[in-house]
């Protein structure tokens, strides 16, 4: 699998998925909806934990797109839990040779919210060795970045 879309939205066919479809237009990609998996907060040990499935899918992809709606001025909880849970479980630099894109959309996010979300994803990409490809917040940005995939 070359392209993977990790959807943090509870709506698998909502605005986040629509922006992913625009970004990944013309590409054959797999979607993984985080709300279909049990991924608890950092430090929790939950029966049926699905983080290993998410990590395996990321290891099998060359281009990873993580999508999150803006909730409470920040990245949604399902994506935040996934990012937090990587700590201590995934070796630094172990996802090298991969590109990471970030979809971050909401009704009317302020600039500082978008900057904070992008900062988090840039740091996540760098820590695990991925090249950060950019953030998409609307259809125009998705179309523009499509050519760099």
N, C-alpha and C. Protein backbone atom coordinates (compact mmCIF):
# COMPACT_ATOMS: atom_id res chain seq x y z
N UNK A 1 0.84 -1.18 0.00
CA UNK A 1 0.00 0.00 0.00
C UNK A 1 0.88 1.24 0.00
N UNK A 2 0.59 2.14 -0.90
CA UNK A 2 1.40 3.34 -1.01
C UNK A 2 0.80 4.51 -0.24
N UNK A 3 -0.52 4.68 -0.26
CA UNK A 3 -1.18 5.82 0.37
C UNK A 3 -2.14 5.35 1.46
N UNK A 4 -2.05 6.00 2.61
CA UNK A 4 -2.92 5.68 3.75
C UNK A 4 -3.52 6.97 4.28
N UNK A 5 -4.84 6.97 4.43
CA UNK A 5 -5.54 8.09 5.06
C UNK A 5 -6.04 7.63 6.42
N UNK A 6 -5.57 8.28 7.47
CA UNK A 6 -6.02 8.00 8.83
C UNK A 6 -7.00 9.11 9.21
N UNK A 7 -8.25 8.73 9.36
CA UNK A 7 -9.33 9.69 9.61
C UNK A 7 -9.65 9.73 11.10
N UNK A 8 -9.45 10.89 11.72
CA UNK A 8 -9.77 11.06 13.13
C UNK A 8 -11.19 11.49 13.38
N UNK A 9 -11.91 11.82 12.34
CA UNK A 9 -13.30 12.27 12.50
C UNK A 9 -14.22 11.10 12.82
N UNK A 10 -15.21 11.32 13.69
CA UNK A 10 -16.18 10.26 13.93
C UNK A 10 -17.10 10.03 12.73
N UNK A 11 -17.09 10.93 11.76
CA UNK A 11 -17.90 10.79 10.56
C UNK A 11 -16.99 10.32 9.42
N UNK A 12 -17.07 9.04 9.05
CA UNK A 12 -16.15 8.51 8.03
C UNK A 12 -16.35 9.13 6.65
N UNK A 13 -17.48 9.81 6.43
CA UNK A 13 -17.77 10.42 5.12
C UNK A 13 -17.98 11.92 5.24
N UNK A 14 -17.40 12.53 6.25
CA UNK A 14 -17.61 13.95 6.49
C UNK A 14 -16.60 14.84 5.77
N UNK A 15 -16.46 16.05 6.28
CA UNK A 15 -15.60 17.05 5.66
C UNK A 15 -14.13 16.66 5.65
N UNK A 16 -13.67 16.00 6.70
CA UNK A 16 -12.27 15.57 6.75
C UNK A 16 -12.00 14.55 5.65
N UNK A 17 -12.89 13.59 5.49
CA UNK A 17 -12.74 12.58 4.44
C UNK A 17 -12.86 13.21 3.05
N UNK A 18 -13.72 14.22 2.90
CA UNK A 18 -13.87 14.90 1.60
C UNK A 18 -12.57 15.61 1.21
N UNK A 19 -11.91 16.25 2.18
CA UNK A 19 -10.63 16.89 1.88
C UNK A 19 -9.56 15.85 1.55
N UNK A 20 -9.61 14.71 2.22
CA UNK A 20 -8.65 13.63 1.90
C UNK A 20 -8.88 13.14 0.48
N UNK A 21 -10.13 12.99 0.08
CA UNK A 21 -10.43 12.54 -1.28
C UNK A 21 -9.91 13.55 -2.30
N UNK A 22 -9.99 14.82 -1.99
CA UNK A 22 -9.47 15.86 -2.88
C UNK A 22 -7.94 15.81 -2.93
N UNK A 23 -7.31 15.69 -1.78
CA UNK A 23 -5.86 15.61 -1.71
C UNK A 23 -5.34 14.38 -2.44
N UNK A 24 -6.02 13.26 -2.26
CA UNK A 24 -5.57 11.98 -2.80
C UNK A 24 -6.22 11.62 -4.13
N UNK A 25 -6.85 12.60 -4.77
CA UNK A 25 -7.52 12.35 -6.05
C UNK A 25 -6.56 11.72 -7.05
N UNK A 26 -7.02 10.65 -7.68
CA UNK A 26 -6.20 9.94 -8.66
C UNK A 26 -5.27 8.92 -8.06
N UNK A 27 -5.26 8.82 -6.73
CA UNK A 27 -4.40 7.86 -6.04
C UNK A 27 -5.26 6.74 -5.47
N UNK A 28 -4.72 5.54 -5.46
CA UNK A 28 -5.38 4.41 -4.82
C UNK A 28 -4.95 4.40 -3.36
N UNK A 29 -5.87 4.68 -2.44
CA UNK A 29 -5.49 4.77 -1.04
C UNK A 29 -6.44 3.97 -0.15
N UNK A 30 -5.91 3.62 1.01
CA UNK A 30 -6.69 2.91 2.02
C UNK A 30 -7.08 3.93 3.10
N UNK A 31 -8.32 3.84 3.56
CA UNK A 31 -8.77 4.68 4.67
C UNK A 31 -8.85 3.85 5.93
N UNK A 32 -8.41 4.45 7.00
CA UNK A 32 -8.49 3.83 8.32
C UNK A 32 -9.17 4.85 9.23
N UNK A 33 -10.33 4.50 9.75
CA UNK A 33 -11.08 5.40 10.62
C UNK A 33 -10.75 5.08 12.07
N UNK A 34 -10.11 6.04 12.75
CA UNK A 34 -9.66 5.78 14.12
C UNK A 34 -10.80 5.42 15.06
N UNK A 35 -11.99 5.93 14.81
CA UNK A 35 -13.10 5.62 15.71
C UNK A 35 -13.56 4.17 15.59
N UNK A 36 -13.04 3.44 14.62
CA UNK A 36 -13.34 2.00 14.50
C UNK A 36 -12.44 1.16 15.41
N UNK A 37 -11.47 1.81 16.06
CA UNK A 37 -10.49 1.10 16.87
C UNK A 37 -10.51 1.60 18.31
N UNK A 38 -10.19 0.70 19.22
CA UNK A 38 -10.02 1.10 20.62
C UNK A 38 -8.58 1.59 20.77
N UNK A 39 -8.43 2.87 21.01
CA UNK A 39 -7.11 3.46 21.24
C UNK A 39 -7.27 4.40 22.43
N UNK A 40 -6.91 3.90 23.58
CA UNK A 40 -7.08 4.68 24.80
C UNK A 40 -6.03 5.75 24.95
N UNK A 41 -6.13 6.47 26.04
CA UNK A 41 -5.17 7.52 26.36
C UNK A 41 -3.84 6.90 26.77
N UNK A 42 -2.79 7.71 26.72
CA UNK A 42 -1.47 7.27 27.13
C UNK A 42 -1.54 6.73 28.56
N UNK A 43 -0.98 5.54 28.77
CA UNK A 43 -0.97 4.93 30.09
C UNK A 43 -2.09 3.93 30.32
N UNK A 44 -3.10 3.94 29.47
CA UNK A 44 -4.20 2.99 29.63
C UNK A 44 -3.84 1.65 29.00
N UNK A 45 -4.29 0.60 29.59
CA UNK A 45 -4.17 -0.75 29.04
C UNK A 45 -5.59 -1.25 28.83
N UNK A 46 -6.08 -1.16 27.59
CA UNK A 46 -7.45 -1.55 27.28
C UNK A 46 -7.49 -2.85 26.50
N UNK A 47 -8.44 -3.68 26.81
CA UNK A 47 -8.64 -4.92 26.08
C UNK A 47 -9.02 -4.59 24.64
N UNK A 48 -8.40 -5.28 23.68
CA UNK A 48 -8.71 -5.05 22.27
C UNK A 48 -8.08 -3.81 21.69
N UNK A 49 -7.01 -3.34 22.30
CA UNK A 49 -6.34 -2.12 21.83
C UNK A 49 -5.98 -2.24 20.35
N UNK A 50 -6.30 -1.20 19.58
CA UNK A 50 -6.08 -1.24 18.13
C UNK A 50 -4.89 -0.46 17.63
N UNK A 51 -4.06 0.06 18.52
CA UNK A 51 -2.94 0.88 18.07
C UNK A 51 -1.97 0.10 17.21
N UNK A 52 -1.72 -1.16 17.51
CA UNK A 52 -0.79 -1.96 16.71
C UNK A 52 -1.26 -2.06 15.26
N UNK A 53 -2.56 -2.14 15.04
CA UNK A 53 -3.11 -2.19 13.68
C UNK A 53 -2.81 -0.89 12.94
N UNK A 54 -2.98 0.23 13.64
CA UNK A 54 -2.70 1.54 13.05
C UNK A 54 -1.22 1.66 12.72
N UNK A 55 -0.36 1.28 13.63
CA UNK A 55 1.09 1.35 13.41
C UNK A 55 1.49 0.47 12.22
N UNK A 56 0.95 -0.73 12.15
CA UNK A 56 1.27 -1.64 11.03
C UNK A 56 0.85 -1.03 9.70
N UNK A 57 -0.31 -0.41 9.66
CA UNK A 57 -0.77 0.24 8.42
C UNK A 57 0.17 1.38 8.03
N UNK A 58 0.64 2.14 9.01
CA UNK A 58 1.57 3.24 8.74
C UNK A 58 2.91 2.70 8.24
N UNK A 59 3.35 1.59 8.79
CA UNK A 59 4.61 0.99 8.37
C UNK A 59 4.53 0.47 6.93
N UNK A 60 3.33 0.11 6.48
CA UNK A 60 3.14 -0.43 5.14
C UNK A 60 2.87 0.65 4.09
N UNK A 61 2.73 1.89 4.51
CA UNK A 61 2.45 2.98 3.58
C UNK A 61 3.70 3.79 3.31
N UNK A 62 3.72 4.45 2.17
CA UNK A 62 4.81 5.38 1.84
C UNK A 62 4.38 6.82 2.07
N UNK A 63 3.09 7.08 1.89
CA UNK A 63 2.53 8.41 2.13
C UNK A 63 1.37 8.26 3.10
N UNK A 64 1.44 9.03 4.18
CA UNK A 64 0.43 8.96 5.24
C UNK A 64 -0.25 10.32 5.34
N UNK A 65 -1.57 10.30 5.31
CA UNK A 65 -2.36 11.51 5.50
C UNK A 65 -3.16 11.32 6.77
N UNK A 66 -2.94 12.20 7.74
CA UNK A 66 -3.70 12.17 8.99
C UNK A 66 -4.69 13.31 8.96
N UNK A 67 -5.95 13.01 9.17
CA UNK A 67 -6.99 14.04 9.14
C UNK A 67 -7.66 14.19 10.48
N UNK A 68 -7.90 15.46 10.84
CA UNK A 68 -8.58 15.77 12.10
C UNK A 68 -9.50 16.96 11.92
N UNK A 69 -10.71 16.87 12.43
CA UNK A 69 -11.50 18.09 12.55
C UNK A 69 -10.94 18.92 13.70
N UNK A 70 -11.20 20.22 13.67
CA UNK A 70 -10.80 21.09 14.77
C UNK A 70 -11.87 20.97 15.86
N UNK A 71 -11.48 20.40 17.00
CA UNK A 71 -12.39 20.27 18.15
C UNK A 71 -11.77 21.02 19.32
N UNK A 72 -12.53 21.84 19.93
CA UNK A 72 -12.06 22.61 21.08
C UNK A 72 -10.72 23.28 20.80
N UNK A 73 -10.62 23.89 19.64
CA UNK A 73 -9.46 24.69 19.23
C UNK A 73 -8.22 23.85 18.96
N UNK A 74 -8.36 22.54 18.77
CA UNK A 74 -7.18 21.71 18.64
C UNK A 74 -7.49 20.44 17.85
N UNK A 75 -6.49 19.57 17.76
CA UNK A 75 -6.63 18.27 17.12
C UNK A 75 -7.64 17.44 17.91
N UNK A 76 -8.46 16.67 17.21
CA UNK A 76 -9.49 15.86 17.88
C UNK A 76 -8.86 14.78 18.76
N UNK A 77 -9.64 14.27 19.70
CA UNK A 77 -9.16 13.32 20.70
C UNK A 77 -8.63 12.02 20.13
N UNK A 78 -9.27 11.49 19.09
CA UNK A 78 -8.81 10.21 18.55
C UNK A 78 -7.41 10.33 17.94
N UNK A 79 -7.15 11.43 17.26
CA UNK A 79 -5.81 11.65 16.70
C UNK A 79 -4.82 11.93 17.82
N UNK A 80 -5.23 12.73 18.79
CA UNK A 80 -4.33 13.06 19.91
C UNK A 80 -3.94 11.78 20.66
N UNK A 81 -4.90 10.90 20.93
CA UNK A 81 -4.58 9.64 21.61
C UNK A 81 -3.58 8.82 20.80
N UNK A 82 -3.79 8.75 19.49
CA UNK A 82 -2.87 8.00 18.64
C UNK A 82 -1.45 8.58 18.75
N UNK A 83 -1.34 9.90 18.63
CA UNK A 83 -0.02 10.54 18.71
C UNK A 83 0.63 10.28 20.07
N UNK A 84 -0.14 10.48 21.13
CA UNK A 84 0.38 10.27 22.48
C UNK A 84 0.86 8.85 22.69
N UNK A 85 0.10 7.90 22.18
CA UNK A 85 0.40 6.49 22.41
C UNK A 85 1.65 6.01 21.67
N UNK A 86 2.09 6.75 20.64
CA UNK A 86 3.32 6.39 19.95
C UNK A 86 4.51 6.46 20.89
N UNK A 87 4.44 7.36 21.85
CA UNK A 87 5.57 7.60 22.75
C UNK A 87 5.93 6.32 23.50
N UNK A 88 7.17 5.89 23.37
CA UNK A 88 7.65 4.69 24.04
C UNK A 88 7.30 3.40 23.34
N UNK A 89 6.39 3.44 22.37
CA UNK A 89 5.98 2.24 21.64
C UNK A 89 6.65 2.16 20.27
N UNK A 90 6.87 3.31 19.65
CA UNK A 90 7.46 3.39 18.32
C UNK A 90 8.82 4.08 18.47
N UNK A 91 9.85 3.47 17.89
CA UNK A 91 11.19 4.03 18.01
C UNK A 91 11.32 5.33 17.21
N UNK A 92 12.02 6.28 17.78
CA UNK A 92 12.30 7.53 17.08
C UNK A 92 12.94 7.22 15.73
N UNK A 93 12.48 7.89 14.69
CA UNK A 93 13.05 7.72 13.36
C UNK A 93 12.60 6.48 12.61
N UNK A 94 11.77 5.64 13.22
CA UNK A 94 11.44 4.35 12.62
C UNK A 94 10.47 4.42 11.43
N UNK A 95 9.89 5.57 11.17
CA UNK A 95 9.00 5.70 10.01
C UNK A 95 9.64 6.54 8.91
N UNK A 96 10.97 6.50 8.85
CA UNK A 96 11.69 7.21 7.81
C UNK A 96 11.28 6.73 6.44
N UNK A 97 11.61 7.50 5.42
CA UNK A 97 11.25 7.20 4.03
C UNK A 97 9.74 7.30 3.79
N UNK A 98 9.04 7.97 4.68
CA UNK A 98 7.61 8.20 4.49
C UNK A 98 7.34 9.70 4.49
N UNK A 99 6.27 10.06 3.80
CA UNK A 99 5.83 11.45 3.78
C UNK A 99 4.55 11.54 4.59
N UNK A 100 4.40 12.61 5.35
CA UNK A 100 3.21 12.84 6.16
C UNK A 100 2.54 14.14 5.76
N UNK A 101 1.25 14.07 5.50
CA UNK A 101 0.42 15.24 5.24
C UNK A 101 -0.63 15.31 6.33
N UNK A 102 -1.10 16.52 6.61
CA UNK A 102 -2.07 16.74 7.67
C UNK A 102 -3.27 17.50 7.14
N UNK A 103 -4.45 16.94 7.36
CA UNK A 103 -5.71 17.61 7.04
C UNK A 103 -6.29 18.11 8.35
N UNK A 104 -6.58 19.39 8.41
CA UNK A 104 -7.07 20.01 9.64
C UNK A 104 -8.15 21.00 9.23
N UNK A 105 -9.39 20.65 9.48
CA UNK A 105 -10.49 21.48 9.01
C UNK A 105 -11.53 21.70 10.10
N UNK A 106 -12.19 22.82 9.99
CA UNK A 106 -13.25 23.15 10.93
C UNK A 106 -14.11 24.27 10.37
N UNK A 107 -15.15 24.61 11.11
CA UNK A 107 -16.10 25.61 10.64
C UNK A 107 -15.45 26.98 10.45
N UNK A 108 -14.68 27.42 11.40
CA UNK A 108 -14.02 28.73 11.29
C UNK A 108 -12.82 28.79 12.23
N UNK A 109 -11.84 27.91 12.01
CA UNK A 109 -10.69 27.92 12.93
C UNK A 109 -9.89 29.22 12.79
N UNK A 110 -9.38 29.66 13.88
CA UNK A 110 -8.53 30.85 13.86
C UNK A 110 -7.11 30.42 13.49
N UNK A 111 -6.34 31.40 13.03
CA UNK A 111 -4.98 31.12 12.56
C UNK A 111 -4.14 30.42 13.62
N UNK A 112 -4.23 30.84 14.86
CA UNK A 112 -3.40 30.25 15.91
C UNK A 112 -3.75 28.79 16.15
N UNK A 113 -5.02 28.42 15.95
CA UNK A 113 -5.42 27.02 16.11
C UNK A 113 -4.76 26.16 15.04
N UNK A 114 -4.80 26.65 13.79
CA UNK A 114 -4.19 25.91 12.69
C UNK A 114 -2.68 25.80 12.88
N UNK A 115 -2.07 26.89 13.32
CA UNK A 115 -0.63 26.87 13.56
C UNK A 115 -0.25 25.88 14.65
N UNK A 116 -1.05 25.82 15.71
CA UNK A 116 -0.77 24.88 16.80
C UNK A 116 -0.90 23.43 16.33
N UNK A 117 -1.93 23.14 15.56
CA UNK A 117 -2.12 21.79 15.04
C UNK A 117 -0.99 21.39 14.10
N UNK A 118 -0.61 22.32 13.23
CA UNK A 118 0.47 22.01 12.29
C UNK A 118 1.80 21.83 13.02
N UNK A 119 2.04 22.64 14.03
CA UNK A 119 3.27 22.49 14.82
C UNK A 119 3.35 21.07 15.40
N UNK A 120 2.24 20.59 15.95
CA UNK A 120 2.21 19.24 16.53
C UNK A 120 2.54 18.19 15.47
N UNK A 121 1.93 18.32 14.29
CA UNK A 121 2.16 17.30 13.26
C UNK A 121 3.57 17.38 12.69
N UNK A 122 4.13 18.58 12.58
CA UNK A 122 5.51 18.69 12.12
C UNK A 122 6.46 18.01 13.10
N UNK A 123 6.23 18.22 14.39
CA UNK A 123 7.06 17.60 15.42
C UNK A 123 6.90 16.08 15.41
N UNK A 124 5.67 15.60 15.25
CA UNK A 124 5.40 14.17 15.18
C UNK A 124 6.15 13.55 13.99
N UNK A 125 6.04 14.19 12.83
CA UNK A 125 6.73 13.69 11.63
C UNK A 125 8.23 13.64 11.86
N UNK A 126 8.79 14.71 12.40
CA UNK A 126 10.24 14.78 12.60
C UNK A 126 10.71 13.72 13.60
N UNK A 127 9.98 13.53 14.68
CA UNK A 127 10.39 12.58 15.70
C UNK A 127 10.48 11.16 15.15
N UNK A 128 9.56 10.81 14.26
CA UNK A 128 9.53 9.44 13.75
C UNK A 128 10.16 9.31 12.36
N UNK A 129 10.88 10.37 11.92
CA UNK A 129 11.67 10.28 10.70
C UNK A 129 10.93 10.56 9.41
N UNK A 130 9.69 11.00 9.49
CA UNK A 130 8.92 11.26 8.27
C UNK A 130 9.20 12.66 7.73
N UNK A 131 9.03 12.83 6.44
CA UNK A 131 9.12 14.14 5.82
C UNK A 131 7.73 14.75 5.86
N UNK A 132 7.63 15.96 6.38
CA UNK A 132 6.33 16.64 6.47
C UNK A 132 6.03 17.31 5.14
N UNK A 133 4.89 16.94 4.53
CA UNK A 133 4.52 17.45 3.21
C UNK A 133 3.66 18.68 3.23
N UNK A 134 2.97 18.94 4.34
CA UNK A 134 2.15 20.14 4.43
C UNK A 134 0.79 19.86 5.03
N UNK A 135 0.07 20.98 5.27
CA UNK A 135 -1.26 20.93 5.88
C UNK A 135 -2.30 21.39 4.88
N UNK A 136 -3.44 20.73 4.92
CA UNK A 136 -4.59 21.06 4.08
C UNK A 136 -5.72 21.51 4.98
N UNK A 137 -6.28 22.68 4.68
CA UNK A 137 -7.43 23.18 5.44
C UNK A 137 -8.63 23.46 4.54
N UNK A 138 -8.43 23.37 3.21
CA UNK A 138 -9.52 23.62 2.28
C UNK A 138 -9.24 22.92 0.95
N UNK A 139 -10.22 22.95 0.03
CA UNK A 139 -10.09 22.25 -1.25
C UNK A 139 -8.96 22.79 -2.11
N UNK A 140 -8.76 24.11 -2.10
CA UNK A 140 -7.68 24.69 -2.91
C UNK A 140 -6.32 24.16 -2.48
N UNK A 141 -6.09 24.10 -1.18
CA UNK A 141 -4.82 23.57 -0.67
C UNK A 141 -4.67 22.09 -1.01
N UNK A 142 -5.78 21.36 -0.92
CA UNK A 142 -5.74 19.93 -1.24
C UNK A 142 -5.38 19.71 -2.70
N UNK A 143 -5.97 20.47 -3.58
CA UNK A 143 -5.67 20.34 -5.02
C UNK A 143 -4.22 20.71 -5.30
N UNK A 144 -3.73 21.76 -4.66
CA UNK A 144 -2.36 22.22 -4.87
C UNK A 144 -1.35 21.17 -4.39
N UNK A 145 -1.60 20.58 -3.22
CA UNK A 145 -0.65 19.60 -2.67
C UNK A 145 -0.75 18.24 -3.36
N UNK A 146 -1.83 17.97 -4.05
CA UNK A 146 -2.00 16.69 -4.73
C UNK A 146 -0.83 16.39 -5.66
N UNK A 147 -0.30 17.41 -6.31
CA UNK A 147 0.80 17.19 -7.26
C UNK A 147 2.11 16.81 -6.58
N UNK A 148 2.22 17.05 -5.26
CA UNK A 148 3.46 16.71 -4.57
C UNK A 148 3.43 15.31 -3.95
N UNK A 149 2.31 14.63 -4.09
CA UNK A 149 2.21 13.29 -3.50
C UNK A 149 3.06 12.31 -4.25
